[in-house]
Amino acid sequence: MKTDCSLLNLIKELYPICRSITGEGVRETLRIIQKRVPLEIQEVPSGTKVFDWTVPLEWNVADAYVMNRAGKRVIDFQSHNLHLMSYSVPVRKKMGLEELRPHLFSLPAHPEWIPYRTSYYKENWGFCMRHVDFEELSDEEYDVVIDSTLQAGSLTYGELYLPGETSDEVLISCHVCHPSLCNDNLSGITVAVKLAETMAARSRRYSYRFLFIPGTIGSITWLARNEQIVPCIRHGLVITGVGDAGNVTYKKSRQGNAEIDRATTHVLRHSGEAHSIIDFFPYGYDERQYCSPGFNLPVGCFMRTPHGQYPEYHSSADNFDLIRSESLARSYADCLQIFELLEGNRVYVSQNPRCEPQLGRRGLYRAVAGQQENQLRELALLWVLNMSDGRHALLDIADRANLPFGQIQSAAEALIEAGLLNEYRRPGNA
């Protein structure tokens, strides 16, 4: 797979930003994305009720550190933004190690890594540090400073709508709330941006809606504000963790056999790459909100190694050493192929349903019987003719024939040109 430098370059630009579920880090991230695609940035005030949740206070941080008596910052937010637990309340106090220790987090199994910790919905504070540094702390007095604000503001998210020939939508969603973590989820953001750029430049059968949102509370907020749009969503993907070296994993929608599930399964099965297809379960990323029973949207989750199944997950080791440019490029190509399949998955009706039409005189069949070189192409033609009865879409035919969708689509195009196939129009539709 060819390296696409634009994918890595966007990750490098976004990596230093301290993001959380609200705040200036999210806005800065969205403004950078806005330079590439015309996002509309939405602000939802703190305190807004969104189903059973409430949009939280806005959190921002200017500085945070733990300083010893010698004036050295033994923990310094400025050196890595994972050092501060997200949503830490303001603190300015001198304290000994015994008082400080319950607010310190490290990873003894990976002593060189800084963990990522949050406390979004319960006021608390904390610092994360390398375990080797934690072990060097002595029982002396420290200056503990968290220069943060937690006050009424808003939740911010970005949305891009690309209208198509129909109002039926494909939803693409990724979370933008994590700080300096490359795979989770700068990889998902950058692949989604690249897909948005590509689809914006193409003619589209479907409309496409790209959401760049804080995890959980972002999707809940969007759904609460857009219930009138929900019936238009026909297909959807949550894109996350698509930059590591692991194989692609696709988590099905709650429906289990939605067109997006079948389309993704088909693309991966014919990709020649190792992959895993797993059933829906109500934990993970924002698919669990889109697939909640009151919506039950056909939204699956496209990832590589699932969350929590690689040791670098939610730590400073989720950095540029973890991600691969070829994984980003392959993930983008797979998702684009899924969209292309959805775009081309139409239902046709044979115009010659009584026995096979004579394909030879139309230039669609071998002139000399017994030759093998065009056999698969001809088999695709026969499958399309046989199954095009107004009830089977091209994906149904491709799966039944165990042939790549592109081969079946090419056969359909040839049959249309020969006047043997017409697109099926439901009664009452133009």
Protein backbone atom coordinates (compact mmCIF):
# COMPACT_ATOMS: atom_id res chain seq x y z
CA MET A 1 0.00 0.00 0.00
CA LYS A 2 1.45 3.37 -1.07
CA THR A 3 2.45 5.72 1.75
CA ASP A 4 0.25 8.84 2.07
CA CYS A 5 2.30 11.49 3.87
CA SER A 6 -0.78 13.69 4.39
CA LEU A 7 -2.18 11.18 6.88
CA LEU A 8 0.94 11.17 9.07
CA ASN A 9 1.40 14.92 8.69
CA LEU A 10 -2.06 15.63 10.11
CA ILE A 11 -1.37 13.33 13.06
CA LYS A 12 1.90 15.17 13.72
CA GLU A 13 0.09 18.50 13.68
CA LEU A 14 -2.62 17.33 16.09
CA TYR A 15 -0.46 15.28 18.45
CA PRO A 16 0.77 18.07 20.81
CA ILE A 17 -2.74 19.39 21.58
CA CYS A 18 -4.28 18.69 24.98
CA ARG A 19 -7.80 17.55 24.17
CA SER A 20 -10.63 16.52 26.46
CA ILE A 21 -14.40 16.20 26.11
CA THR A 22 -14.68 20.01 26.17
CA GLY A 23 -12.38 22.98 25.93
CA GLU A 24 -9.96 24.87 23.75
CA GLY A 25 -8.05 21.74 22.74
CA VAL A 26 -11.11 20.40 20.93
CA ARG A 27 -11.68 23.77 19.25
CA GLU A 28 -8.06 23.98 18.11
CA THR A 29 -8.27 20.45 16.73
CA LEU A 30 -11.45 21.25 14.80
CA ARG A 31 -9.98 24.47 13.42
CA ILE A 32 -7.03 22.51 12.03
CA ILE A 33 -9.40 19.99 10.43
CA GLN A 34 -11.43 22.92 9.10
CA LYS A 35 -8.44 23.95 6.96
CA ARG A 36 -8.87 20.69 5.04
CA VAL A 37 -12.64 20.19 4.95
CA PRO A 38 -15.42 22.77 5.55
CA LEU A 39 -16.54 21.67 9.01
CA GLU A 40 -19.36 23.45 10.77
CA ILE A 41 -18.33 23.84 14.40
CA GLN A 42 -21.19 23.50 16.87
CA GLU A 43 -21.25 24.71 20.49
CA VAL A 44 -23.72 23.20 23.00
CA PRO A 45 -23.93 25.07 26.33
CA SER A 46 -22.97 23.42 29.61
CA GLY A 47 -26.05 22.28 31.49
CA THR A 48 -27.97 21.30 28.35
CA LYS A 49 -30.02 18.15 28.96
CA VAL A 50 -29.31 15.43 26.40
CA PHE A 51 -31.46 12.40 27.18
CA ASP A 52 -30.32 11.07 30.58
CA TRP A 53 -27.10 13.13 30.49
CA THR A 54 -26.17 16.78 30.97
CA VAL A 55 -23.52 18.61 28.95
CA PRO A 56 -20.72 19.09 31.52
CA LEU A 57 -18.81 22.17 32.56
CA GLU A 58 -16.03 23.18 30.20
CA TRP A 59 -12.49 22.26 31.25
CA ASN A 60 -9.33 24.07 30.26
CA VAL A 61 -5.80 23.93 31.64
CA ALA A 62 -2.93 26.40 31.39
CA ASP A 63 -0.30 24.58 33.44
CA ALA A 64 0.16 21.81 36.00
CA TYR A 65 3.13 20.45 37.87
CA VAL A 66 4.52 18.87 41.02
CA MET A 67 7.68 20.64 42.15
CA ASN A 68 10.18 19.48 44.78
CA ARG A 69 12.02 21.70 47.26
CA ALA A 70 14.90 22.16 44.84
CA GLY A 71 12.54 23.82 42.38
CA LYS A 72 12.53 20.91 39.93
CA ARG A 73 9.26 19.87 38.33
CA VAL A 74 9.17 16.14 39.00
CA ILE A 75 5.88 15.98 37.08
CA ASP A 76 5.32 18.54 34.35
CA PHE A 77 2.24 18.98 32.17
CA GLN A 78 4.31 21.11 29.80
CA SER A 79 6.56 18.16 28.92
CA HIS A 80 3.65 15.79 28.15
CA ASN A 81 -0.05 16.52 28.48
CA LEU A 82 -0.78 12.97 29.69
CA HIS A 83 0.91 13.94 32.96
CA LEU A 84 -2.34 15.59 34.10
CA MET A 85 -5.49 13.58 34.68
CA SER A 86 -8.13 15.01 32.37
CA TYR A 87 -10.73 17.19 34.07
CA SER A 88 -8.57 17.73 37.16
CA VAL A 89 -9.97 20.53 39.30
CA PRO A 90 -7.73 23.49 40.26
CA VAL A 91 -5.17 22.82 43.01
CA ARG A 92 -2.49 25.02 44.54
CA LYS A 93 -1.11 23.47 47.70
CA LYS A 94 2.00 22.22 49.48
CA MET A 95 1.78 18.58 50.54
CA GLY A 96 3.85 15.61 51.53
CA LEU A 97 4.13 12.36 49.58
CA GLU A 98 1.60 10.59 51.82
CA GLU A 99 -1.08 13.13 50.92
CA LEU A 100 -0.01 13.26 47.27
CA ARG A 101 0.30 9.51 46.64
CA PRO A 102 -3.48 8.74 46.19
CA HIS A 103 -3.49 11.24 43.33
CA LEU A 104 -0.59 9.67 41.44
CA PHE A 105 -0.99 7.05 38.70
CA SER A 106 1.69 4.94 37.04
CA LEU A 107 2.09 1.62 35.23
CA PRO A 108 4.38 -0.73 37.18
CA ALA A 109 4.25 -3.28 34.35
CA HIS A 110 5.50 -0.63 31.90
CA PRO A 111 7.65 1.65 34.06
CA GLU A 112 8.73 3.96 31.20
CA TRP A 113 5.18 4.78 30.08
CA ILE A 114 2.81 7.49 31.30
CA PRO A 115 -0.80 6.29 31.72
CA TYR A 116 -3.83 8.23 30.45
CA ARG A 117 -6.49 8.83 33.12
CA THR A 118 -9.70 10.88 33.25
CA SER A 119 -12.32 11.95 35.78
CA TYR A 120 -14.97 13.59 33.63
CA TYR A 121 -18.09 13.33 35.74
CA LYS A 122 -16.75 13.31 39.30
CA GLU A 123 -14.65 16.21 40.56
CA ASN A 124 -11.16 14.99 41.32
CA TRP A 125 -7.56 15.68 40.43
CA GLY A 126 -4.50 13.65 39.69
CA PHE A 127 -1.15 13.29 37.96
CA CYS A 128 0.16 10.48 35.76
CA MET A 129 3.84 9.63 35.61
CA ARG A 130 6.43 7.06 34.65
CA HIS A 131 6.72 4.41 37.35
CA VAL A 132 10.52 4.79 37.38
CA ASP A 133 10.00 8.44 38.35
CA PHE A 134 7.33 7.53 40.89
CA GLU A 135 9.77 5.21 42.66
CA GLU A 136 12.27 8.06 43.03
CA LEU A 137 9.84 10.26 44.94
CA SER A 138 10.83 10.80 48.57
CA ASP A 139 8.71 11.82 51.54
CA GLU A 140 9.32 15.51 51.28
CA GLU A 141 7.11 18.53 50.73
CA TYR A 142 5.98 19.28 47.19
CA ASP A 143 4.36 22.27 45.53
CA VAL A 144 1.29 20.89 43.71
CA VAL A 145 -0.20 23.24 41.13
CA ILE A 146 -3.04 22.63 38.68
CA ASP A 147 -3.90 25.87 36.89
CA SER A 148 -7.17 24.72 35.39
CA THR A 149 -10.72 26.02 35.05
CA LEU A 150 -13.95 24.08 35.29
CA GLN A 151 -16.80 26.42 34.54
CA ALA A 152 -19.87 27.03 32.40
CA GLY A 153 -18.94 26.95 28.73
CA SER A 154 -19.88 24.49 26.04
CA LEU A 155 -19.26 21.16 24.38
CA THR A 156 -17.81 21.56 20.90
CA TYR A 157 -18.08 19.23 17.93
CA GLY A 158 -17.51 19.41 14.18
CA GLU A 159 -19.91 18.31 11.47
CA LEU A 160 -19.58 18.08 7.69
CA TYR A 161 -22.59 17.29 5.51
CA LEU A 162 -22.05 16.37 1.86
CA PRO A 163 -25.40 16.20 0.03
CA GLY A 164 -25.88 13.45 -2.51
CA GLU A 165 -28.50 12.49 -5.08
CA THR A 166 -30.72 11.26 -2.24
CA SER A 167 -31.28 12.34 1.34
CA ASP A 168 -30.32 8.84 2.54
CA GLU A 169 -27.13 9.19 4.56
CA VAL A 170 -23.89 7.44 5.35
CA LEU A 171 -22.70 8.49 8.83
CA ILE A 172 -18.98 8.56 9.66
CA SER A 173 -18.09 9.28 13.27
CA CYS A 174 -14.82 9.58 15.18
CA HIS A 175 -13.90 10.83 18.63
CA VAL A 176 -11.71 13.91 19.12
CA CYS A 177 -11.48 13.98 22.94
CA HIS A 178 -8.22 12.11 23.53
CA PRO A 179 -4.97 14.07 24.03
CA SER A 180 -1.59 12.94 22.69
CA LEU A 181 -2.55 9.40 21.65
CA CYS A 182 -1.72 8.54 18.05
CA ASN A 183 -3.75 5.40 17.47
CA ASP A 184 -6.63 6.26 19.80
CA ASN A 185 -7.75 8.33 18.04
CA LEU A 186 -5.64 10.62 15.89
CA SER A 187 -5.55 7.75 13.40
CA GLY A 188 -9.35 7.69 13.15
CA ILE A 189 -9.53 11.46 12.81
CA THR A 190 -7.00 11.61 10.00
CA VAL A 191 -8.55 8.72 8.04
CA ALA A 192 -11.99 10.34 8.41
CA VAL A 193 -10.60 13.66 7.14
CA LYS A 194 -9.06 11.93 4.12
CA LEU A 195 -12.34 10.15 3.38
CA ALA A 196 -14.21 13.46 3.66
CA GLU A 197 -11.79 15.08 1.20
CA THR A 198 -12.25 12.20 -1.24
CA MET A 199 -16.04 12.01 -1.04
CA ALA A 200 -16.38 15.80 -1.30
CA ALA A 201 -14.61 15.64 -4.68
CA ARG A 202 -16.90 12.91 -6.10
CA SER A 203 -20.44 12.69 -7.31
CA ARG A 204 -22.45 10.88 -4.65
CA ARG A 205 -25.57 8.76 -4.65
CA TYR A 206 -25.79 8.97 -0.85
CA SER A 207 -25.36 12.00 1.34
CA TYR A 208 -22.43 11.77 3.75
CA ARG A 209 -22.29 13.17 7.27
CA PHE A 210 -18.93 13.30 9.07
CA LEU A 211 -18.93 13.86 12.83
CA PHE A 212 -15.83 14.82 14.83
CA ILE A 213 -17.12 14.57 18.39
CA PRO A 214 -16.08 13.99 22.00
CA GLY A 215 -16.53 10.33 22.94
CA THR A 216 -19.84 9.22 24.48
CA ILE A 217 -21.20 12.63 25.49
CA GLY A 218 -20.60 13.91 21.95
CA SER A 219 -22.64 11.22 20.19
CA ILE A 220 -25.34 11.43 22.86
CA THR A 221 -25.50 15.20 22.37
CA TRP A 222 -25.60 14.93 18.57
CA LEU A 223 -28.38 12.32 18.67
CA ALA A 224 -30.41 14.39 21.14
CA ARG A 225 -30.15 17.45 18.89
CA ASN A 226 -30.76 15.65 15.59
CA GLU A 227 -33.53 13.11 16.10
CA GLN A 228 -35.21 14.41 12.93
CA ILE A 229 -32.12 13.41 10.89
CA VAL A 230 -31.79 9.92 12.36
CA PRO A 231 -34.36 8.28 10.00
CA CYS A 232 -32.19 9.31 7.03
CA ILE A 233 -29.16 7.30 8.25
CA ARG A 234 -28.94 4.14 6.15
CA HIS A 235 -25.35 3.13 6.87
CA GLY A 236 -22.64 4.18 9.29
CA LEU A 237 -19.10 3.60 10.53
CA VAL A 238 -17.34 4.61 13.71
CA ILE A 239 -13.64 4.85 12.79
CA THR A 240 -11.08 4.41 15.55
CA GLY A 241 -7.67 2.87 16.18
CA VAL A 242 -6.79 2.35 12.52
CA GLY A 243 -3.07 3.09 12.60
CA ASP A 244 -1.45 0.18 14.43
CA ALA A 245 0.11 -2.85 12.79
CA GLY A 246 -2.71 -5.23 13.74
CA ASN A 247 -5.21 -6.72 11.34
CA VAL A 248 -8.48 -4.95 10.63
CA THR A 249 -11.32 -5.75 13.04
CA TYR A 250 -14.90 -4.90 12.14
CA LYS A 251 -17.50 -4.85 14.88
CA LYS A 252 -20.97 -5.34 13.45
CA SER A 253 -23.90 -3.09 14.17
CA ARG A 254 -26.50 -4.19 16.69
CA GLN A 255 -28.67 -5.27 13.76
CA GLY A 256 -25.97 -7.75 12.81
CA ASN A 257 -26.93 -8.15 9.16
CA ALA A 258 -27.35 -4.56 8.04
CA GLU A 259 -26.08 -3.60 4.61
CA ILE A 260 -23.04 -1.91 6.19
CA ASP A 261 -22.22 -5.18 7.98
CA ARG A 262 -22.50 -7.18 4.78
CA ALA A 263 -20.65 -4.59 2.71
CA THR A 264 -17.73 -4.39 5.13
CA THR A 265 -17.56 -8.17 5.49
CA HIS A 266 -17.53 -8.54 1.71
CA VAL A 267 -14.76 -5.97 1.21
CA LEU A 268 -12.58 -7.51 3.90
CA ARG A 269 -13.19 -11.08 2.71
CA HIS A 270 -12.01 -10.18 -0.80
CA SER A 271 -9.17 -7.89 0.34
CA GLY A 272 -6.65 -10.70 0.64
CA GLU A 273 -5.71 -9.36 4.09
CA ALA A 274 -6.18 -11.13 7.42
CA HIS A 275 -9.07 -9.63 9.39
CA SER A 276 -11.65 -10.31 12.08
CA ILE A 277 -15.42 -9.81 12.09
CA ILE A 278 -16.94 -9.63 15.57
CA ASP A 279 -20.51 -9.29 16.77
CA PHE A 280 -21.88 -6.19 18.42
CA PHE A 281 -21.52 -5.79 22.18
CA PRO A 282 -22.60 -2.71 24.17
CA TYR A 283 -19.14 -1.48 25.13
CA GLY A 284 -16.48 0.32 23.17
CA TYR A 285 -16.84 3.54 21.23
CA ASP A 286 -19.77 5.62 19.99
CA GLU A 287 -21.33 2.74 18.07
CA ARG A 288 -22.96 1.80 21.36
CA GLN A 289 -24.89 5.11 21.34
CA TYR A 290 -25.90 4.90 17.67
CA CYS A 291 -26.91 1.28 18.23
CA SER A 292 -28.83 1.90 21.47
CA PRO A 293 -32.28 0.27 21.22
CA GLY A 294 -34.15 3.55 20.82
CA PHE A 295 -32.18 4.25 17.62
CA ASN A 296 -30.79 0.86 16.54
CA LEU A 297 -28.93 2.48 13.67
CA PRO A 298 -26.94 0.38 11.18
CA VAL A 299 -23.59 1.65 12.44
CA GLY A 300 -20.58 -0.63 12.82
CA CYS A 301 -17.09 0.07 14.15
CA PHE A 302 -14.04 -0.13 11.88
CA MET A 303 -10.72 -0.52 13.72
CA ARG A 304 -7.54 -2.53 13.74
CA THR A 305 -6.50 -4.02 17.11
CA PRO A 306 -9.51 -3.52 19.42
CA HIS A 307 -9.24 -1.14 22.37
CA GLY A 308 -7.50 -2.59 25.40
CA GLN A 309 -5.98 -5.45 23.38
CA TYR A 310 -2.62 -3.80 22.75
CA PRO A 311 -0.36 -2.91 25.68
CA GLU A 312 0.24 0.67 24.54
CA TYR A 313 -3.48 1.49 24.80
CA HIS A 314 -4.19 4.62 26.87
CA SER A 315 -0.55 5.36 27.57
CA SER A 316 2.26 7.52 26.28
CA ALA A 317 3.46 4.51 24.27
CA ASP A 318 0.55 5.19 21.90
CA ASN A 319 2.90 7.41 19.96
CA PHE A 320 4.50 7.56 16.53
CA ASP A 321 6.36 4.31 17.17
CA LEU A 322 3.03 2.47 17.37
CA ILE A 323 1.38 3.62 14.17
CA ARG A 324 2.27 2.62 10.61
CA SER A 325 1.73 4.74 7.52
CA GLU A 326 0.78 1.62 5.56
CA SER A 327 -1.89 0.77 8.16
CA LEU A 328 -3.39 4.24 7.85
CA ALA A 329 -3.35 3.98 4.05
CA ARG A 330 -4.86 0.49 4.07
CA SER A 331 -7.59 1.54 6.51
CA TYR A 332 -8.47 4.52 4.32
CA ALA A 333 -8.54 2.32 1.19
CA ASP A 334 -10.77 -0.29 2.86
CA CYS A 335 -13.25 2.33 4.10
CA LEU A 336 -13.32 4.00 0.70
CA GLN A 337 -14.01 0.65 -0.95
CA ILE A 338 -16.89 0.10 1.48
CA PHE A 339 -18.38 3.45 0.45
CA GLU A 340 -17.90 2.62 -3.22
CA LEU A 341 -19.71 -0.67 -2.69
CA LEU A 342 -22.62 1.09 -0.97
CA GLU A 343 -22.75 3.62 -3.80
CA GLY A 344 -22.91 0.88 -6.43
CA ASN A 345 -25.18 -1.57 -4.64
CA ARG A 346 -28.32 -1.23 -6.75
CA VAL A 347 -31.17 -3.53 -7.68
CA TYR A 348 -31.74 -4.42 -11.33
CA VAL A 349 -34.30 -6.24 -13.45
CA SER A 350 -33.38 -8.46 -16.38
CA GLN A 351 -35.04 -7.40 -19.61
CA ASN A 352 -34.82 -10.93 -20.95
CA PRO A 353 -35.88 -13.12 -18.01
CA ARG A 354 -37.18 -16.10 -19.99
CA CYS A 355 -34.09 -18.22 -20.52
CA GLU A 356 -30.64 -16.75 -21.08
CA PRO A 357 -30.29 -14.08 -23.75
CA GLN A 358 -27.80 -14.79 -26.48
CA LEU A 359 -24.71 -13.06 -25.22
CA GLY A 360 -22.43 -14.03 -28.12
CA ARG A 361 -24.16 -11.84 -30.71
CA ARG A 362 -23.89 -8.93 -28.30
CA GLY A 363 -20.14 -9.39 -27.93
CA LEU A 364 -20.42 -10.59 -24.34
CA TYR A 365 -19.49 -14.24 -24.75
CA ARG A 366 -16.55 -16.20 -26.07
CA ALA A 367 -16.43 -16.55 -29.82
CA VAL A 368 -14.83 -19.98 -29.48
CA ALA A 369 -16.26 -22.43 -26.93
CA GLY A 370 -13.89 -24.15 -24.54
CA GLN A 371 -11.53 -21.23 -23.93
CA GLN A 372 -11.04 -20.42 -20.23
CA GLU A 373 -9.61 -16.92 -20.11
CA ASN A 374 -12.97 -15.11 -19.87
CA GLN A 375 -14.82 -17.72 -17.85
CA LEU A 376 -15.13 -15.71 -14.61
CA ARG A 377 -16.32 -12.61 -16.46
CA GLU A 378 -18.97 -14.63 -18.24
CA LEU A 379 -19.97 -16.35 -15.01
CA ALA A 380 -20.49 -12.91 -13.47
CA LEU A 381 -22.72 -11.94 -16.41
CA LEU A 382 -24.82 -15.07 -15.96
CA TRP A 383 -25.15 -14.56 -12.21
CA VAL A 384 -26.33 -10.98 -12.69
CA LEU A 385 -28.83 -11.99 -15.36
CA ASN A 386 -30.17 -14.85 -13.25
CA MET A 387 -30.51 -12.91 -9.99
CA SER A 388 -31.68 -9.55 -11.34
CA ASP A 389 -35.36 -10.01 -10.58
CA GLY A 390 -36.05 -6.77 -8.70
CA ARG A 391 -35.41 -8.43 -5.34
CA HIS A 392 -31.64 -8.96 -5.23
CA ALA A 393 -29.10 -6.15 -5.06
CA LEU A 394 -25.64 -6.54 -6.56
CA LEU A 395 -24.15 -7.30 -3.13
CA ASP A 396 -26.61 -10.19 -2.75
CA ILE A 397 -25.45 -11.51 -6.11
CA ALA A 398 -21.74 -11.06 -5.32
CA ASP A 399 -22.10 -12.94 -2.05
CA ARG A 400 -24.15 -15.71 -3.65
CA ALA A 401 -21.63 -16.06 -6.49
CA ASN A 402 -18.64 -15.64 -4.15
CA LEU A 403 -17.19 -13.09 -6.55
CA PRO A 404 -15.77 -9.64 -5.77
CA PHE A 405 -18.39 -6.90 -5.89
CA GLY A 406 -16.44 -4.98 -8.53
CA GLN A 407 -16.65 -7.94 -10.91
CA ILE A 408 -20.41 -8.19 -10.45
CA GLN A 409 -20.81 -4.41 -10.85
CA SER A 410 -18.78 -4.47 -14.09
CA ALA A 411 -20.98 -7.26 -15.41
CA ALA A 412 -24.10 -5.25 -14.60
CA GLU A 413 -22.70 -2.22 -16.42
CA ALA A 414 -21.99 -4.31 -19.51
CA LEU A 415 -25.50 -5.76 -19.46
CA ILE A 416 -27.03 -2.30 -19.09
CA GLU A 417 -25.06 -1.10 -22.11
CA ALA A 418 -26.33 -4.09 -24.07
CA GLY A 419 -29.93 -3.26 -23.15
CA LEU A 420 -30.38 -6.44 -21.10
CA LEU A 421 -30.70 -4.84 -17.66
CA ASN A 422 -32.56 -1.89 -16.16
CA GLU A 423 -32.39 -0.48 -12.67
CA TYR A 424 -35.38 -1.50 -10.57
CA ARG A 425 -37.66 1.33 -9.53
CA ARG A 426 -40.00 0.75 -6.66
CA PRO A 427 -43.63 1.44 -7.47
CA GLY A 428 -44.34 5.12 -6.89
CA ASN A 429 -40.67 6.14 -7.27
CA ALA A 430 -39.48 8.19 -10.21
